[in-house]
PDB file of all heavy atoms in Angstrom:
ATOM      1  N   ASN A   1      -8.151  34.049  18.604  1.00  0.00           N
ATOM      2  CA  ASN A   1      -6.841  33.529  18.991  1.00  0.00           C
ATOM      3  C   ASN A   1      -6.552  32.151  18.408  1.00  0.00           C
ATOM      4  O   ASN A   1      -5.682  31.428  18.889  1.00  0.00           O
ATOM      5  CB  ASN A   1      -6.712  33.477  20.519  1.00  0.00           C
ATOM      6  CG  ASN A   1      -7.813  32.649  21.170  1.00  0.00           C
ATOM      7  OD1 ASN A   1      -8.882  32.472  20.603  1.00  0.00           O
ATOM      8  ND2 ASN A   1      -7.536  32.141  22.365  1.00  0.00           N
ATOM      9  N   VAL A   2      -7.283  31.766  17.354  1.00  0.00           N
ATOM     10  CA  VAL A   2      -7.126  30.442  16.734  1.00  0.00           C
ATOM     11  C   VAL A   2      -6.707  30.599  15.271  1.00  0.00           C
ATOM     12  O   VAL A   2      -7.307  31.368  14.518  1.00  0.00           O
ATOM     13  CB  VAL A   2      -8.435  29.633  16.810  1.00  0.00           C
ATOM     14  CG1 VAL A   2      -8.291  28.300  16.067  1.00  0.00           C
ATOM     15  CG2 VAL A   2      -8.829  29.388  18.256  1.00  0.00           C
ATOM     16  N   SER A   3      -5.669  29.867  14.893  1.00  0.00           N
ATOM     17  CA  SER A   3      -5.287  29.789  13.481  1.00  0.00           C
ATOM     18  C   SER A   3      -5.310  28.323  13.061  1.00  0.00           C
ATOM     19  O   SER A   3      -5.201  27.423  13.898  1.00  0.00           O
ATOM     20  CB  SER A   3      -3.885  30.379  13.256  1.00  0.00           C
ATOM     21  OG  SER A   3      -2.915  29.651  14.002  1.00  0.00           O
ATOM     22  N   TYR A   4      -5.464  28.101  11.764  1.00  0.00           N
ATOM     23  CA  TYR A   4      -5.558  26.741  11.236  1.00  0.00           C
ATOM     24  C   TYR A   4      -4.371  26.466  10.325  1.00  0.00           C
ATOM     25  O   TYR A   4      -3.998  27.301   9.501  1.00  0.00           O
ATOM     26  CB  TYR A   4      -6.870  26.548  10.477  1.00  0.00           C
ATOM     27  CG  TYR A   4      -8.088  26.744  11.360  1.00  0.00           C
ATOM     28  CD1 TYR A   4      -8.767  27.968  11.373  1.00  0.00           C
ATOM     29  CD2 TYR A   4      -8.546  25.729  12.185  1.00  0.00           C
ATOM     30  CE1 TYR A   4      -9.874  28.169  12.184  1.00  0.00           C
ATOM     31  CE2 TYR A   4      -9.648  25.920  13.007  1.00  0.00           C
ATOM     32  CZ  TYR A   4     -10.310  27.134  13.005  1.00  0.00           C
ATOM     33  OH  TYR A   4     -11.396  27.327  13.822  1.00  0.00           O
ATOM     34  N   CYS A   5      -3.808  25.295  10.487  1.00  0.00           N
ATOM     35  CA  CYS A   5      -2.639  24.894   9.698  1.00  0.00           C
ATOM     36  C   CYS A   5      -3.015  23.660   8.888  1.00  0.00           C
ATOM     37  O   CYS A   5      -3.323  22.603   9.454  1.00  0.00           O
ATOM     38  CB  CYS A   5      -1.461  24.593  10.626  1.00  0.00           C
ATOM     39  SG  CYS A   5       0.028  24.036   9.759  1.00  0.00           S
ATOM     40  N   SER A   6      -3.014  23.802   7.570  1.00  0.00           N
ATOM     41  CA  SER A   6      -3.377  22.698   6.694  1.00  0.00           C
ATOM     42  C   SER A   6      -2.185  21.759   6.501  1.00  0.00           C
ATOM     43  O   SER A   6      -1.079  22.201   6.198  1.00  0.00           O
ATOM     44  CB  SER A   6      -3.842  23.240   5.341  1.00  0.00           C
ATOM     45  OG  SER A   6      -4.066  22.185   4.441  1.00  0.00           O
ATOM     46  N   ILE A   7      -2.416  20.479   6.706  1.00  0.00           N
ATOM     47  CA  ILE A   7      -1.377  19.464   6.502  1.00  0.00           C
ATOM     48  C   ILE A   7      -1.484  18.974   5.066  1.00  0.00           C
ATOM     49  O   ILE A   7      -2.319  18.127   4.731  1.00  0.00           O
ATOM     50  CB  ILE A   7      -1.547  18.276   7.476  1.00  0.00           C
ATOM     51  CG1 ILE A   7      -1.509  18.748   8.922  1.00  0.00           C
ATOM     52  CG2 ILE A   7      -0.498  17.207   7.202  1.00  0.00           C
ATOM     53  CD1 ILE A   7      -0.177  19.266   9.386  1.00  0.00           C
ATOM     54  N   ASP A   8      -0.667  19.534   4.183  1.00  0.00           N
ATOM     55  CA  ASP A   8      -0.698  19.140   2.780  1.00  0.00           C
ATOM     56  C   ASP A   8       0.035  17.823   2.600  1.00  0.00           C
ATOM     57  O   ASP A   8       1.189  17.675   3.000  1.00  0.00           O
ATOM     58  CB  ASP A   8      -0.037  20.220   1.915  1.00  0.00           C
ATOM     59  CG  ASP A   8      -0.793  21.533   1.981  1.00  0.00           C
ATOM     60  OD1 ASP A   8      -2.026  21.493   1.944  1.00  0.00           O
ATOM     61  OD2 ASP A   8      -0.124  22.589   2.097  1.00  0.00           O
ATOM     62  N   LYS A   9      -0.655  16.882   1.993  1.00  0.00           N
ATOM     63  CA  LYS A   9      -0.070  15.550   1.819  1.00  0.00           C
ATOM     64  C   LYS A   9      -0.716  14.882   0.617  1.00  0.00           C
ATOM     65  O   LYS A   9      -1.717  15.341   0.079  1.00  0.00           O
ATOM     66  CB  LYS A   9      -0.284  14.706   3.068  1.00  0.00           C
ATOM     67  CG  LYS A   9      -1.735  14.528   3.454  1.00  0.00           C
ATOM     68  CD  LYS A   9      -1.874  13.795   4.757  1.00  0.00           C
ATOM     69  CE  LYS A   9      -3.336  13.570   5.099  1.00  0.00           C
ATOM     70  NZ  LYS A   9      -4.069  12.867   4.045  1.00  0.00           N
ATOM     71  N   LYS A  10      -0.141  13.750   0.224  1.00  0.00           N
ATOM     72  CA  LYS A  10      -0.715  12.980  -0.874  1.00  0.00           C
ATOM     73  C   LYS A  10      -2.003  12.310  -0.414  1.00  0.00           C
ATOM     74  O   LYS A  10      -2.117  11.899   0.741  1.00  0.00           O
ATOM     75  CB  LYS A  10       0.281  11.911  -1.336  1.00  0.00           C
ATOM     76  CG  LYS A  10       1.579  12.463  -1.890  1.00  0.00           C
ATOM     77  CD  LYS A  10       2.520  11.341  -2.248  1.00  0.00           C
ATOM     78  CE  LYS A  10       3.847  11.883  -2.770  1.00  0.00           C
ATOM     79  NZ  LYS A  10       4.804  10.790  -3.066  1.00  0.00           N
ATOM     80  N   HIS A  11      -2.954  12.216  -1.335  1.00  0.00           N
ATOM     81  CA  HIS A  11      -4.202  11.525  -1.003  1.00  0.00           C
ATOM     82  C   HIS A  11      -3.980  10.027  -1.131  1.00  0.00           C
ATOM     83  O   HIS A  11      -3.499   9.544  -2.147  1.00  0.00           O
ATOM     84  CB  HIS A  11      -5.325  11.965  -1.941  1.00  0.00           C
ATOM     85  CG  HIS A  11      -6.603  11.213  -1.705  1.00  0.00           C
ATOM     86  ND1 HIS A  11      -7.382  11.417  -0.585  1.00  0.00           N
ATOM     87  CD2 HIS A  11      -7.200  10.233  -2.425  1.00  0.00           C
ATOM     88  CE1 HIS A  11      -8.423  10.616  -0.627  1.00  0.00           C
ATOM     89  NE2 HIS A  11      -8.335   9.885  -1.737  1.00  0.00           N
ATOM     90  N   ARG A  12      -4.322   9.288  -0.102  1.00  0.00           N
ATOM     91  CA  ARG A  12      -4.190   7.835  -0.122  1.00  0.00           C
ATOM     92  C   ARG A  12      -5.559   7.199   0.028  1.00  0.00           C
ATOM     93  O   ARG A  12      -6.457   7.757   0.643  1.00  0.00           O
ATOM     94  CB  ARG A  12      -3.257   7.371   0.998  1.00  0.00           C
ATOM     95  CG  ARG A  12      -1.840   7.918   0.865  1.00  0.00           C
ATOM     96  CD  ARG A  12      -0.966   7.463   2.021  1.00  0.00           C
ATOM     97  NE  ARG A  12       0.367   8.039   1.957  1.00  0.00           N
ATOM     98  CZ  ARG A  12       1.377   7.502   1.303  1.00  0.00           C
ATOM     99  NH1 ARG A  12       1.202   6.380   0.636  1.00  0.00           N
ATOM    100  NH2 ARG A  12       2.570   8.074   1.294  1.00  0.00           N
ATOM    101  N   THR A  13      -5.694   6.008  -0.529  1.00  0.00           N
ATOM    102  CA  THR A  13      -6.984   5.335  -0.481  1.00  0.00           C
ATOM    103  C   THR A  13      -7.188   4.598   0.833  1.00  0.00           C
ATOM    104  O   THR A  13      -8.313   4.283   1.198  1.00  0.00           O
ATOM    105  CB  THR A  13      -7.102   4.327  -1.639  1.00  0.00           C
ATOM    106  OG1 THR A  13      -5.994   3.415  -1.583  1.00  0.00           O
ATOM    107  CG2 THR A  13      -7.082   5.045  -2.980  1.00  0.00           C
ATOM    108  N   ASN A  14      -6.115   4.331   1.564  1.00  0.00           N
ATOM    109  CA  ASN A  14      -6.233   3.602   2.820  1.00  0.00           C
ATOM    110  C   ASN A  14      -6.217   4.588   3.986  1.00  0.00           C
ATOM    111  O   ASN A  14      -5.293   5.388   4.127  1.00  0.00           O
ATOM    112  CB  ASN A  14      -5.070   2.594   2.957  1.00  0.00           C
ATOM    113  CG  ASN A  14      -5.237   1.699   4.159  1.00  0.00           C
ATOM    114  OD1 ASN A  14      -5.142   2.146   5.302  1.00  0.00           O
ATOM    115  ND2 ASN A  14      -5.480   0.419   3.912  1.00  0.00           N
ATOM    116  N   ASP A  15      -7.239   4.533   4.841  1.00  0.00           N
ATOM    117  CA  ASP A  15      -7.369   5.486   5.941  1.00  0.00           C
ATOM    118  C   ASP A  15      -6.193   5.413   6.908  1.00  0.00           C
ATOM    119  O   ASP A  15      -5.795   6.430   7.481  1.00  0.00           O
ATOM    120  CB  ASP A  15      -8.669   5.228   6.703  1.00  0.00           C
ATOM    121  CG  ASP A  15      -9.888   5.644   5.900  1.00  0.00           C
ATOM    122  OD1 ASP A  15      -9.713   6.404   4.934  1.00  0.00           O
ATOM    123  OD2 ASP A  15     -10.998   5.194   6.232  1.00  0.00           O
ATOM    124  N   ILE A  16      -5.652   4.217   7.119  1.00  0.00           N
ATOM    125  CA  ILE A  16      -4.544   4.064   8.067  1.00  0.00           C
ATOM    126  C   ILE A  16      -3.295   4.763   7.547  1.00  0.00           C
ATOM    127  O   ILE A  16      -2.631   5.504   8.283  1.00  0.00           O
ATOM    128  CB  ILE A  16      -4.253   2.574   8.339  1.00  0.00           C
ATOM    129  CG1 ILE A  16      -5.498   1.886   8.905  1.00  0.00           C
ATOM    130  CG2 ILE A  16      -3.086   2.436   9.310  1.00  0.00           C
ATOM    131  CD1 ILE A  16      -6.034   2.493  10.182  1.00  0.00           C
ATOM    132  N   TYR A  17      -2.956   4.561   6.268  1.00  0.00           N
ATOM    133  CA  TYR A  17      -1.822   5.279   5.684  1.00  0.00           C
ATOM    134  C   TYR A  17      -2.062   6.786   5.769  1.00  0.00           C
ATOM    135  O   TYR A  17      -1.149   7.568   6.027  1.00  0.00           O
ATOM    136  CB  TYR A  17      -1.619   4.868   4.224  1.00  0.00           C
ATOM    137  CG  TYR A  17      -1.064   3.483   4.034  1.00  0.00           C
ATOM    138  CD1 TYR A  17      -1.635   2.611   3.113  1.00  0.00           C
ATOM    139  CD2 TYR A  17       0.038   3.046   4.748  1.00  0.00           C
ATOM    140  CE1 TYR A  17      -1.126   1.332   2.918  1.00  0.00           C
ATOM    141  CE2 TYR A  17       0.556   1.777   4.571  1.00  0.00           C
ATOM    142  CZ  TYR A  17      -0.033   0.924   3.653  1.00  0.00           C
ATOM    143  OH  TYR A  17       0.469  -0.333   3.476  1.00  0.00           O
ATOM    144  N   ASP A  18      -3.300   7.185   5.538  1.00  0.00           N
ATOM    145  CA  ASP A  18      -3.670   8.604   5.529  1.00  0.00           C
ATOM    146  C   ASP A  18      -3.404   9.249   6.893  1.00  0.00           C
ATOM    147  O   ASP A  18      -2.776  10.307   6.997  1.00  0.00           O
ATOM    148  CB  ASP A  18      -5.153   8.726   5.172  1.00  0.00           C
ATOM    149  CG  ASP A  18      -5.451   9.989   4.394  1.00  0.00           C
ATOM    150  OD1 ASP A  18      -4.531  10.519   3.739  1.00  0.00           O
ATOM    151  OD2 ASP A  18      -6.599  10.442   4.438  1.00  0.00           O
ATOM    152  N   ILE A  19      -3.880   8.615   7.954  1.00  0.00           N
ATOM    153  CA  ILE A  19      -3.719   9.200   9.283  1.00  0.00           C
ATOM    154  C   ILE A  19      -2.277   9.121   9.766  1.00  0.00           C
ATOM    155  O   ILE A  19      -1.785  10.030  10.440  1.00  0.00           O
ATOM    156  CB  ILE A  19      -4.685   8.537  10.304  1.00  0.00           C
ATOM    157  CG1 ILE A  19      -4.752   9.395  11.580  1.00  0.00           C
ATOM    158  CG2 ILE A  19      -4.279   7.110  10.628  1.00  0.00           C
ATOM    159  CD1 ILE A  19      -5.868   8.973  12.526  1.00  0.00           C
ATOM    160  N   LEU A  20      -1.556   8.058   9.380  1.00  0.00           N
ATOM    161  CA  LEU A  20      -0.139   7.961   9.758  1.00  0.00           C
ATOM    162  C   LEU A  20       0.667   9.079   9.120  1.00  0.00           C
ATOM    163  O   LEU A  20       1.514   9.710   9.769  1.00  0.00           O
ATOM    164  CB  LEU A  20       0.427   6.598   9.354  1.00  0.00           C
ATOM    165  CG  LEU A  20       0.085   5.424  10.263  1.00  0.00           C
ATOM    166  CD1 LEU A  20       0.513   4.107   9.615  1.00  0.00           C
ATOM    167  CD2 LEU A  20       0.747   5.572  11.628  1.00  0.00           C
ATOM    168  N   GLU A  21       0.394   9.351   7.852  1.00  0.00           N
ATOM    169  CA  GLU A  21       1.109  10.437   7.168  1.00  0.00           C
ATOM    170  C   GLU A  21       0.738  11.782   7.789  1.00  0.00           C
ATOM    171  O   GLU A  21       1.599  12.640   7.995  1.00  0.00           O
ATOM    172  CB  GLU A  21       0.775  10.423   5.686  1.00  0.00           C
ATOM    173  CG  GLU A  21       1.582  11.456   4.893  1.00  0.00           C
ATOM    174  CD  GLU A  21       1.284  11.423   3.411  1.00  0.00           C
ATOM    175  OE1 GLU A  21       0.235  10.871   3.024  1.00  0.00           O
ATOM    176  OE2 GLU A  21       2.086  11.962   2.640  1.00  0.00           O
ATOM    177  N   PHE A  22      -0.543  11.969   8.085  1.00  0.00           N
ATOM    178  CA  PHE A  22      -1.003  13.206   8.722  1.00  0.00           C
ATOM    179  C   PHE A  22      -0.268  13.430  10.041  1.00  0.00           C
ATOM    180  O   PHE A  22       0.230  14.527  10.318  1.00  0.00           O
ATOM    181  CB  PHE A  22      -2.510  13.119   8.962  1.00  0.00           C
ATOM    182  CG  PHE A  22      -3.082  14.272   9.735  1.00  0.00           C
ATOM    183  CD1 PHE A  22      -3.462  15.441   9.098  1.00  0.00           C
ATOM    184  CD2 PHE A  22      -3.257  14.184  11.111  1.00  0.00           C
ATOM    185  CE1 PHE A  22      -3.999  16.506   9.811  1.00  0.00           C
ATOM    186  CE2 PHE A  22      -3.796  15.239  11.837  1.00  0.00           C
ATOM    187  CZ  PHE A  22      -4.166  16.398  11.192  1.00  0.00           C
ATOM    188  N   GLU A  23      -0.197  12.398  10.882  1.00  0.00           N
ATOM    189  CA  GLU A  23       0.437  12.536  12.193  1.00  0.00           C
ATOM    190  C   GLU A  23       1.944  12.752  12.073  1.00  0.00           C
ATOM    191  O   GLU A  23       2.540  13.473  12.881  1.00  0.00           O
ATOM    192  CB  GLU A  23       0.137  11.307  13.043  1.00  0.00           C
ATOM    193  CG  GLU A  23      -1.333  11.230  13.455  1.00  0.00           C
ATOM    194  CD  GLU A  23      -1.692   9.979  14.221  1.00  0.00           C
ATOM    195  OE1 GLU A  23      -0.847   9.060  14.294  1.00  0.00           O
ATOM    196  OE2 GLU A  23      -2.806   9.908  14.757  1.00  0.00           O
ATOM    197  N   PHE A  24       2.564  12.146  11.060  1.00  0.00           N
ATOM    198  CA  PHE A  24       3.997  12.337  10.848  1.00  0.00           C
ATOM    199  C   PHE A  24       4.302  13.788  10.474  1.00  0.00           C
ATOM    200  O   PHE A  24       5.194  14.422  11.046  1.00  0.00           O
ATOM    201  CB  PHE A  24       4.482  11.392   9.743  1.00  0.00           C
ATOM    202  CG  PHE A  24       5.940  11.546   9.405  1.00  0.00           C
ATOM    203  CD1 PHE A  24       6.916  11.047  10.249  1.00  0.00           C
ATOM    204  CD2 PHE A  24       6.331  12.202   8.246  1.00  0.00           C
ATOM    205  CE1 PHE A  24       8.268  11.201   9.944  1.00  0.00           C
ATOM    206  CE2 PHE A  24       7.667  12.365   7.940  1.00  0.00           C
ATOM    207  CZ  PHE A  24       8.649  11.859   8.792  1.00  0.00           C
ATOM    208  N   ILE A  25       3.516  14.334   9.543  1.00  0.00           N
ATOM    209  CA  ILE A  25       3.716  15.722   9.122  1.00  0.00           C
ATOM    210  C   ILE A  25       3.354  16.679  10.252  1.00  0.00           C
ATOM    211  O   ILE A  25       4.024  17.691  10.488  1.00  0.00           O
ATOM    212  CB  ILE A  25       2.902  16.032   7.849  1.00  0.00           C
ATOM    213  CG1 ILE A  25       3.361  15.148   6.696  1.00  0.00           C
ATOM    214  CG2 ILE A  25       3.042  17.505   7.462  1.00  0.00           C
ATOM    215  CD1 ILE A  25       2.495  15.250   5.455  1.00  0.00           C
TER     216      ILE A  25
END
């Protein structure tokens, strides 16, 4: 009963930008 959804985004070098973009998408 579990499916996985990949959050496709640009790769960033800064972890904070990375997680903010992930959470926005």
